[in-house]
Amino acid sequence: MSISDYFEDKILDHMLRNQSFTPPASVYAALNVDDPLETGACEVSGQGYARQSIAWNAATGGTLDNSAVIDFTDMPAACIRFASIHDASTSGSVLWSGSLSASKTVNASDTFQFPAGSLDVTLD
């Protein structure tokens, strides 16, 4: 996954300019039919779709991954090609985004799942 410009600026200002930054209490996984870029455009919508909060394993070697299964239930019919991480359950800002290793077509009412350890975030 790639870090967003928004979050890069927050980290740089916080670490190198002593600007206050309060991290979000929770971050949320989102599913996207196309590259969400910096805005979160192309996020799935409809049916019972909602962003899901993420629990994380401790970072090691500049990488961390989800510590628990992330389930998106009652999906609308869609072809999921990208995932993104946001600082709010709705609206908010994109923190990271990236393409899936393989696109996944879901039918209406299906569940889309990230097994534990499969959503990786890297700083490089």
Protein backbone atom coordinates (compact mmCIF):
# COMPACT_ATOMS: atom_id res chain seq x y z
CA MET A 1 0.00 0.00 0.00
CA SER A 2 1.12 3.56 -0.68
CA ILE A 3 0.92 6.31 1.89
CA SER A 4 -1.23 9.29 0.89
CA ASP A 5 0.14 12.82 0.42
CA TYR A 6 -2.18 13.96 3.22
CA PHE A 7 -0.63 11.53 5.71
CA GLU A 8 2.94 12.14 4.49
CA ASP A 9 2.48 15.84 5.23
CA LYS A 10 1.06 15.11 8.70
CA ILE A 11 4.02 12.87 9.58
CA LEU A 12 6.63 15.31 8.28
CA ASP A 13 5.08 18.32 10.02
CA HIS A 14 4.74 16.38 13.26
CA MET A 15 8.23 14.89 13.32
CA LEU A 16 10.30 17.70 11.79
CA ARG A 17 8.34 20.88 12.54
CA ASN A 18 6.96 19.93 15.96
CA GLN A 19 3.39 20.42 14.69
CA SER A 20 0.74 18.74 16.77
CA PHE A 21 -0.91 15.66 15.26
CA THR A 22 -3.35 13.44 17.07
CA PRO A 23 -3.68 10.03 15.45
CA PRO A 24 -7.22 8.73 14.92
CA ALA A 25 -8.53 6.44 17.66
CA SER A 26 -9.41 3.88 14.97
CA VAL A 27 -8.62 3.44 11.30
CA TYR A 28 -10.93 1.83 8.79
CA ALA A 29 -10.52 -0.44 5.78
CA ALA A 30 -12.42 0.47 2.64
CA LEU A 31 -12.91 -1.39 -0.63
CA ASN A 32 -12.58 0.30 -4.01
CA VAL A 33 -13.53 -0.65 -7.56
CA ASP A 34 -10.71 1.48 -8.99
CA ASP A 35 -7.65 3.35 -7.70
CA PRO A 36 -8.87 5.62 -4.86
CA LEU A 37 -5.90 7.94 -5.35
CA GLU A 38 -5.74 10.58 -2.63
CA THR A 39 -9.46 11.23 -2.27
CA GLY A 40 -11.07 7.84 -1.65
CA ALA A 41 -12.97 8.13 -4.95
CA CYS A 42 -14.24 4.82 -6.34
CA GLU A 43 -15.16 3.38 -2.93
CA VAL A 44 -17.81 0.68 -3.03
CA SER A 45 -21.26 1.84 -1.94
CA GLY A 46 -24.74 0.49 -1.57
CA GLN A 47 -26.41 -2.59 -0.15
CA GLY A 48 -25.03 -3.02 3.41
CA TYR A 49 -21.43 -1.98 2.63
CA ALA A 50 -19.60 -0.07 5.38
CA ARG A 51 -15.95 0.56 6.21
CA GLN A 52 -14.56 -1.78 8.84
CA SER A 53 -12.26 -0.94 11.75
CA ILE A 54 -8.85 -2.62 11.71
CA ALA A 55 -6.92 -4.23 14.57
CA TRP A 56 -3.16 -4.39 13.95
CA ASN A 57 -0.22 -6.57 14.89
CA ALA A 58 2.88 -4.72 16.13
CA ALA A 59 5.08 -3.26 13.40
CA THR A 60 8.34 -4.99 12.62
CA GLY A 61 10.88 -4.10 9.95
CA GLY A 62 8.77 -1.16 8.77
CA THR A 63 5.67 -3.31 8.10
CA LEU A 64 2.52 -4.23 9.98
CA ASP A 65 -0.57 -6.24 9.16
CA ASN A 66 -4.08 -6.83 10.44
CA SER A 67 -4.28 -9.01 13.55
CA ALA A 68 -7.88 -10.13 13.03
CA VAL A 69 -10.19 -11.00 10.16
CA ILE A 70 -11.82 -7.99 8.48
CA ASP A 71 -15.30 -8.87 7.18
CA PHE A 72 -17.35 -6.73 4.82
CA THR A 73 -20.82 -8.29 4.95
CA ASP A 74 -23.88 -7.73 2.77
CA MET A 75 -21.79 -6.38 -0.13
CA PRO A 76 -23.30 -4.88 -3.29
CA ALA A 77 -22.37 -6.56 -6.58
CA ALA A 78 -18.91 -5.19 -7.51
CA CYS A 79 -15.43 -6.00 -8.76
CA ILE A 80 -13.03 -5.07 -5.94
CA ARG A 81 -9.58 -4.05 -7.20
CA PHE A 82 -8.16 -1.77 -4.48
CA ALA A 83 -8.24 -1.30 -0.71
CA SER A 84 -7.70 1.88 1.25
CA ILE A 85 -7.26 2.85 4.89
CA HIS A 86 -9.12 5.90 6.22
CA ASP A 87 -9.06 7.92 9.42
CA ALA A 88 -12.87 7.84 9.81
CA SER A 89 -15.73 5.38 9.34
CA THR A 90 -17.29 7.75 6.79
CA SER A 91 -15.74 10.68 4.93
CA GLY A 92 -12.40 11.57 6.53
CA SER A 93 -9.03 11.25 4.76
CA VAL A 94 -7.24 8.43 2.98
CA LEU A 95 -4.09 7.34 4.84
CA TRP A 96 -2.94 4.47 2.58
CA SER A 97 -4.21 2.76 -0.56
CA GLY A 98 -3.13 -0.04 -2.84
CA SER A 99 -4.23 -2.62 -5.35
CA LEU A 100 -5.23 -6.12 -4.34
CA SER A 101 -2.98 -8.96 -5.49
CA ALA A 102 -5.97 -10.14 -7.55
CA SER A 103 -9.31 -8.49 -8.20
CA LYS A 104 -12.34 -10.14 -6.61
CA THR A 105 -15.88 -10.07 -7.98
CA VAL A 106 -18.58 -10.20 -5.33
CA ASN A 107 -22.30 -10.69 -5.81
CA ALA A 108 -25.04 -8.86 -3.94
CA SER A 109 -25.18 -9.98 -0.29
CA ASP A 110 -21.74 -11.69 -0.44
CA THR A 111 -19.07 -11.22 2.23
CA PHE A 112 -15.60 -9.95 1.30
CA GLN A 113 -12.86 -10.84 3.75
CA PHE A 114 -9.27 -9.97 4.56
CA PRO A 115 -7.94 -12.91 6.60
CA ALA A 116 -5.74 -12.02 9.59
CA GLY A 117 -2.26 -11.05 8.42
CA SER A 118 -3.28 -10.34 4.82
CA LEU A 119 -3.64 -6.52 4.82
CA ASP A 120 -0.04 -5.26 4.89
CA VAL A 121 1.10 -1.67 5.39
CA THR A 122 4.72 -0.72 4.78
CA LEU A 123 6.74 2.45 5.21
CA ASP A 124 9.46 2.61 2.60
